[in-house]
Amino acid sequence: MAFELFWLAEAQDIYEELMAAARAAFEKRGGKGKSTKPEGLFKQVHKCILQLATNPRHPGLQTHEYHSFPHPYDQNQKVFEAYAQNQTAGAYRVFWCYGPGKNQITIIAITPHP
């Protein structure tokens, strides 16, 4: 089952910043050679979000409940954390929740793990 994605403004801004950094790095190297760190990071975050939209329980996401972010629509509902990266210093995480409606997911935040 595919989910429709919604974004909180902060999460959308971070995603766009990561995308802009990846594009700038790609253009700077002229598309030749190995991908740079900004390119790799954006690719991993983008893949994580695509997997969330397709299957939020995908084993690679290692999705689990997270308690430090409030649910934007209903304080009694759960917020989840999904891994965009793993075993990396400052690995990026995507925080999300179900809603606002059925078959919808809201991306709350995209942050490096402390």
N, C-alpha and C. Protein backbone atom coordinates (compact mmCIF):
# COMPACT_ATOMS: atom_id res chain seq x y z
N MET A 1 0.85 -1.17 0.00
CA MET A 1 0.00 0.00 0.00
C MET A 1 0.90 1.23 0.00
N ALA A 2 0.64 2.15 -0.89
CA ALA A 2 1.41 3.39 -0.97
C ALA A 2 0.74 4.46 -0.11
N PHE A 3 1.57 5.28 0.50
CA PHE A 3 1.09 6.37 1.34
C PHE A 3 1.35 7.70 0.65
N GLU A 4 0.45 8.62 0.86
CA GLU A 4 0.63 9.99 0.38
C GLU A 4 1.48 10.72 1.42
N LEU A 5 2.48 11.47 0.96
CA LEU A 5 3.38 12.16 1.88
C LEU A 5 2.97 13.61 2.09
N PHE A 6 3.04 14.04 3.34
CA PHE A 6 2.88 15.44 3.72
C PHE A 6 4.15 15.84 4.44
N TRP A 7 4.47 17.11 4.43
CA TRP A 7 5.71 17.59 5.03
C TRP A 7 5.41 18.76 5.97
N LEU A 8 6.04 18.76 7.14
CA LEU A 8 6.06 19.97 7.94
C LEU A 8 7.10 20.88 7.30
N ALA A 9 6.93 22.20 7.45
CA ALA A 9 7.78 23.17 6.76
C ALA A 9 9.26 22.96 7.07
N GLU A 10 9.60 22.70 8.31
CA GLU A 10 11.00 22.52 8.70
C GLU A 10 11.61 21.31 7.99
N ALA A 11 10.89 20.22 7.93
CA ALA A 11 11.38 19.01 7.26
C ALA A 11 11.55 19.26 5.77
N GLN A 12 10.61 19.95 5.16
CA GLN A 12 10.70 20.27 3.72
C GLN A 12 11.92 21.14 3.45
N ASP A 13 12.19 22.12 4.32
CA ASP A 13 13.34 23.00 4.15
C ASP A 13 14.65 22.22 4.22
N ILE A 14 14.77 21.33 5.20
CA ILE A 14 15.99 20.52 5.33
C ILE A 14 16.18 19.63 4.10
N TYR A 15 15.11 19.00 3.64
CA TYR A 15 15.18 18.14 2.46
C TYR A 15 15.67 18.95 1.25
N GLU A 16 15.12 20.14 1.07
CA GLU A 16 15.53 20.98 -0.06
C GLU A 16 16.97 21.45 0.07
N GLU A 17 17.43 21.72 1.31
CA GLU A 17 18.83 22.10 1.52
C GLU A 17 19.76 20.95 1.18
N LEU A 18 19.40 19.73 1.59
CA LEU A 18 20.21 18.56 1.26
C LEU A 18 20.26 18.35 -0.25
N MET A 19 19.13 18.54 -0.92
CA MET A 19 19.08 18.37 -2.37
C MET A 19 19.94 19.43 -3.07
N ALA A 20 19.87 20.67 -2.60
CA ALA A 20 20.67 21.74 -3.20
C ALA A 20 22.16 21.49 -3.02
N ALA A 21 22.56 21.02 -1.85
CA ALA A 21 23.96 20.72 -1.59
C ALA A 21 24.44 19.58 -2.49
N ALA A 22 23.60 18.58 -2.69
CA ALA A 22 23.96 17.46 -3.55
C ALA A 22 24.11 17.92 -5.00
N ARG A 23 23.19 18.75 -5.46
CA ARG A 23 23.28 19.26 -6.84
C ARG A 23 24.53 20.10 -7.04
N ALA A 24 24.84 20.97 -6.06
CA ALA A 24 26.02 21.82 -6.16
C ALA A 24 27.29 20.97 -6.20
N ALA A 25 27.36 19.94 -5.38
CA ALA A 25 28.52 19.06 -5.37
C ALA A 25 28.65 18.31 -6.69
N PHE A 26 27.53 17.87 -7.23
CA PHE A 26 27.53 17.16 -8.51
C PHE A 26 28.05 18.07 -9.62
N GLU A 27 27.55 19.30 -9.64
CA GLU A 27 27.97 20.25 -10.68
C GLU A 27 29.43 20.63 -10.52
N LYS A 28 29.89 20.75 -9.29
CA LYS A 28 31.28 21.14 -9.04
C LYS A 28 32.25 20.08 -9.56
N ARG A 29 31.91 18.82 -9.39
CA ARG A 29 32.79 17.75 -9.87
C ARG A 29 32.52 17.40 -11.33
N GLY A 30 31.53 18.05 -11.92
CA GLY A 30 31.24 17.83 -13.34
C GLY A 30 30.65 16.46 -13.64
N GLY A 31 30.11 15.80 -12.62
CA GLY A 31 29.51 14.50 -12.82
C GLY A 31 30.51 13.38 -13.02
N LYS A 32 31.80 13.68 -12.84
CA LYS A 32 32.84 12.66 -13.04
C LYS A 32 33.40 12.22 -11.70
N GLY A 33 33.80 10.97 -11.65
CA GLY A 33 34.40 10.45 -10.43
C GLY A 33 33.36 9.98 -9.44
N LYS A 34 33.84 9.75 -8.21
CA LYS A 34 32.97 9.23 -7.16
C LYS A 34 32.03 10.31 -6.63
N SER A 35 30.90 9.88 -6.14
CA SER A 35 29.95 10.80 -5.52
C SER A 35 30.55 11.40 -4.26
N THR A 36 30.15 12.63 -3.97
CA THR A 36 30.63 13.32 -2.78
C THR A 36 29.73 12.99 -1.59
N LYS A 37 30.15 13.40 -0.40
CA LYS A 37 29.35 13.16 0.80
C LYS A 37 27.96 13.79 0.70
N PRO A 38 27.84 15.05 0.25
CA PRO A 38 26.48 15.61 0.15
C PRO A 38 25.58 14.84 -0.81
N GLU A 39 26.16 14.33 -1.90
CA GLU A 39 25.38 13.53 -2.85
C GLU A 39 24.93 12.23 -2.22
N GLY A 40 25.84 11.57 -1.52
CA GLY A 40 25.51 10.30 -0.87
C GLY A 40 24.47 10.48 0.21
N LEU A 41 24.59 11.55 1.00
CA LEU A 41 23.63 11.81 2.06
C LEU A 41 22.24 12.04 1.49
N PHE A 42 22.14 12.86 0.45
CA PHE A 42 20.82 13.11 -0.13
C PHE A 42 20.23 11.83 -0.70
N LYS A 43 21.06 11.03 -1.36
CA LYS A 43 20.57 9.77 -1.93
C LYS A 43 20.00 8.87 -0.84
N GLN A 44 20.66 8.80 0.31
CA GLN A 44 20.20 7.95 1.41
C GLN A 44 18.91 8.49 2.02
N VAL A 45 18.83 9.80 2.22
CA VAL A 45 17.62 10.40 2.79
C VAL A 45 16.45 10.23 1.82
N HIS A 46 16.70 10.46 0.54
CA HIS A 46 15.65 10.32 -0.46
C HIS A 46 15.14 8.87 -0.53
N LYS A 47 16.06 7.91 -0.48
CA LYS A 47 15.67 6.50 -0.51
C LYS A 47 14.82 6.16 0.72
N CYS A 48 15.21 6.67 1.87
CA CYS A 48 14.46 6.44 3.11
C CYS A 48 13.02 6.95 2.96
N ILE A 49 12.86 8.13 2.42
CA ILE A 49 11.53 8.71 2.27
C ILE A 49 10.70 7.93 1.25
N LEU A 50 11.33 7.48 0.17
CA LEU A 50 10.61 6.66 -0.80
C LEU A 50 10.15 5.34 -0.18
N GLN A 51 11.01 4.74 0.64
CA GLN A 51 10.62 3.50 1.31
C GLN A 51 9.50 3.74 2.31
N LEU A 52 9.53 4.88 3.01
CA LEU A 52 8.44 5.21 3.93
C LEU A 52 7.12 5.28 3.19
N ALA A 53 7.13 5.91 2.02
CA ALA A 53 5.90 6.06 1.24
C ALA A 53 5.39 4.71 0.75
N THR A 54 6.30 3.79 0.49
CA THR A 54 5.91 2.48 -0.01
C THR A 54 5.57 1.51 1.11
N ASN A 55 6.45 1.44 2.12
CA ASN A 55 6.27 0.49 3.21
C ASN A 55 6.99 1.01 4.46
N PRO A 56 6.28 1.69 5.35
CA PRO A 56 6.93 2.24 6.54
C PRO A 56 7.51 1.18 7.48
N ARG A 57 7.15 -0.07 7.27
CA ARG A 57 7.68 -1.15 8.11
C ARG A 57 8.83 -1.90 7.44
N HIS A 58 9.37 -1.33 6.39
CA HIS A 58 10.48 -1.95 5.68
C HIS A 58 11.62 -2.21 6.68
N PRO A 59 12.19 -3.42 6.71
CA PRO A 59 13.21 -3.75 7.70
C PRO A 59 14.44 -2.84 7.66
N GLY A 60 14.81 -2.35 6.50
CA GLY A 60 15.98 -1.49 6.38
C GLY A 60 15.81 -0.14 7.06
N LEU A 61 14.59 0.28 7.25
CA LEU A 61 14.33 1.56 7.90
C LEU A 61 14.50 1.49 9.42
N GLN A 62 14.41 0.29 9.97
CA GLN A 62 14.50 0.09 11.41
C GLN A 62 13.57 1.05 12.17
N THR A 63 12.37 1.17 11.67
CA THR A 63 11.38 2.10 12.24
C THR A 63 11.01 1.68 13.65
N HIS A 64 10.98 2.68 14.53
CA HIS A 64 10.53 2.45 15.90
C HIS A 64 9.95 3.74 16.47
N GLU A 65 9.18 3.59 17.52
CA GLU A 65 8.52 4.72 18.15
C GLU A 65 9.56 5.66 18.76
N TYR A 66 9.26 6.95 18.70
CA TYR A 66 10.14 7.97 19.24
C TYR A 66 9.30 8.90 20.10
N HIS A 67 9.81 9.28 21.27
CA HIS A 67 8.98 10.01 22.23
C HIS A 67 9.29 11.50 22.36
N SER A 68 10.33 12.01 21.74
CA SER A 68 10.73 13.41 21.96
C SER A 68 10.06 14.42 21.05
N PHE A 69 9.41 13.96 19.99
CA PHE A 69 8.68 14.87 19.10
C PHE A 69 7.19 14.74 19.37
N PRO A 70 6.47 15.85 19.46
CA PRO A 70 5.02 15.75 19.61
C PRO A 70 4.37 15.44 18.26
N HIS A 71 3.31 14.70 18.30
CA HIS A 71 2.53 14.40 17.09
C HIS A 71 1.84 15.69 16.66
N PRO A 72 1.96 16.09 15.39
CA PRO A 72 1.41 17.38 14.97
C PRO A 72 -0.12 17.44 14.88
N TYR A 73 -0.79 16.29 14.86
CA TYR A 73 -2.23 16.29 14.67
C TYR A 73 -3.00 15.80 15.90
N ASP A 74 -2.43 14.84 16.62
CA ASP A 74 -3.13 14.23 17.76
C ASP A 74 -2.09 13.81 18.79
N GLN A 75 -2.05 14.48 19.92
CA GLN A 75 -1.04 14.22 20.94
C GLN A 75 -1.08 12.80 21.49
N ASN A 76 -2.17 12.07 21.26
CA ASN A 76 -2.28 10.70 21.74
C ASN A 76 -1.73 9.67 20.76
N GLN A 77 -1.34 10.10 19.57
CA GLN A 77 -0.81 9.20 18.56
C GLN A 77 0.72 9.14 18.62
N LYS A 78 1.29 8.15 17.96
CA LYS A 78 2.73 7.91 18.02
C LYS A 78 3.49 8.64 16.92
N VAL A 79 4.74 8.98 17.23
CA VAL A 79 5.70 9.50 16.26
C VAL A 79 6.78 8.43 16.12
N PHE A 80 7.29 8.26 14.90
CA PHE A 80 8.25 7.22 14.62
C PHE A 80 9.56 7.79 14.08
N GLU A 81 10.61 7.01 14.27
CA GLU A 81 11.93 7.35 13.76
C GLU A 81 12.33 6.28 12.75
N ALA A 82 12.84 6.70 11.59
CA ALA A 82 13.34 5.77 10.58
C ALA A 82 14.79 6.13 10.28
N TYR A 83 15.60 5.13 10.03
CA TYR A 83 17.02 5.34 9.76
C TYR A 83 17.24 5.63 8.28
N ALA A 84 17.82 6.79 7.99
CA ALA A 84 18.27 7.07 6.64
C ALA A 84 19.71 6.57 6.49
N GLN A 85 20.45 6.59 7.60
CA GLN A 85 21.81 6.08 7.65
C GLN A 85 21.96 5.26 8.92
N ASN A 86 22.97 4.42 8.94
CA ASN A 86 23.23 3.60 10.11
C ASN A 86 24.74 3.42 10.24
N GLN A 87 25.21 3.27 11.46
CA GLN A 87 26.63 3.06 11.74
C GLN A 87 27.51 4.13 11.11
N THR A 88 27.05 5.38 11.21
CA THR A 88 27.77 6.53 10.71
C THR A 88 27.71 7.60 11.78
N ALA A 89 28.81 8.29 12.00
CA ALA A 89 28.79 9.38 12.98
C ALA A 89 27.79 10.44 12.50
N GLY A 90 26.87 10.83 13.36
CA GLY A 90 25.86 11.82 13.00
C GLY A 90 24.89 11.30 11.96
N ALA A 91 24.58 10.00 12.02
CA ALA A 91 23.69 9.38 11.04
C ALA A 91 22.34 10.09 10.99
N TYR A 92 21.82 10.29 9.80
CA TYR A 92 20.56 11.00 9.64
C TYR A 92 19.37 10.10 9.93
N ARG A 93 18.36 10.72 10.52
CA ARG A 93 17.10 10.06 10.86
C ARG A 93 15.95 10.86 10.27
N VAL A 94 14.88 10.17 9.95
CA VAL A 94 13.65 10.80 9.47
C VAL A 94 12.56 10.51 10.50
N PHE A 95 11.96 11.56 11.02
CA PHE A 95 10.89 11.43 12.00
C PHE A 95 9.57 11.67 11.30
N TRP A 96 8.61 10.79 11.56
CA TRP A 96 7.35 10.83 10.82
C TRP A 96 6.21 10.31 11.68
N CYS A 97 5.01 10.52 11.17
CA CYS A 97 3.82 10.00 11.85
C CYS A 97 2.76 9.69 10.80
N TYR A 98 1.77 8.90 11.20
CA TYR A 98 0.63 8.65 10.33
C TYR A 98 -0.30 9.85 10.41
N GLY A 99 -0.89 10.21 9.27
CA GLY A 99 -1.87 11.29 9.27
C GLY A 99 -1.46 12.38 8.32
N PRO A 100 -2.31 13.34 8.10
CA PRO A 100 -3.52 13.67 8.83
C PRO A 100 -4.71 12.78 8.52
N GLY A 101 -4.67 12.07 7.40
CA GLY A 101 -5.80 11.20 7.06
C GLY A 101 -5.33 9.77 6.86
N LYS A 102 -6.27 8.96 6.43
CA LYS A 102 -5.97 7.55 6.17
C LYS A 102 -5.03 7.44 4.97
N ASN A 103 -4.08 6.51 5.04
CA ASN A 103 -3.09 6.28 3.99
C ASN A 103 -2.23 7.51 3.72
N GLN A 104 -1.96 8.27 4.78
CA GLN A 104 -1.12 9.45 4.67
C GLN A 104 -0.04 9.41 5.75
N ILE A 105 1.13 9.90 5.40
CA ILE A 105 2.26 10.00 6.32
C ILE A 105 2.76 11.44 6.28
N THR A 106 3.09 11.97 7.46
CA THR A 106 3.66 13.31 7.55
C THR A 106 5.12 13.19 7.98
N ILE A 107 6.01 13.81 7.20
CA ILE A 107 7.43 13.89 7.56
C ILE A 107 7.56 15.08 8.51
N ILE A 108 7.98 14.79 9.75
CA ILE A 108 8.06 15.82 10.78
C ILE A 108 9.43 16.50 10.78
N ALA A 109 10.49 15.71 10.67
CA ALA A 109 11.84 16.27 10.74
C ALA A 109 12.83 15.33 10.08
N ILE A 110 13.93 15.91 9.60
CA ILE A 110 15.07 15.17 9.07
C ILE A 110 16.28 15.74 9.80
N THR A 111 16.91 14.92 10.65
CA THR A 111 17.99 15.43 11.48
C THR A 111 19.12 14.41 11.62
N PRO A 112 20.33 14.90 11.90
CA PRO A 112 21.39 13.97 12.25
C PRO A 112 21.18 13.47 13.67
N HIS A 113 21.54 12.23 13.91
CA HIS A 113 21.40 11.64 15.23
C HIS A 113 22.44 12.29 16.15
N PRO A 114 22.04 12.65 17.36
CA PRO A 114 23.00 13.31 18.27
C PRO A 114 24.14 12.39 18.68
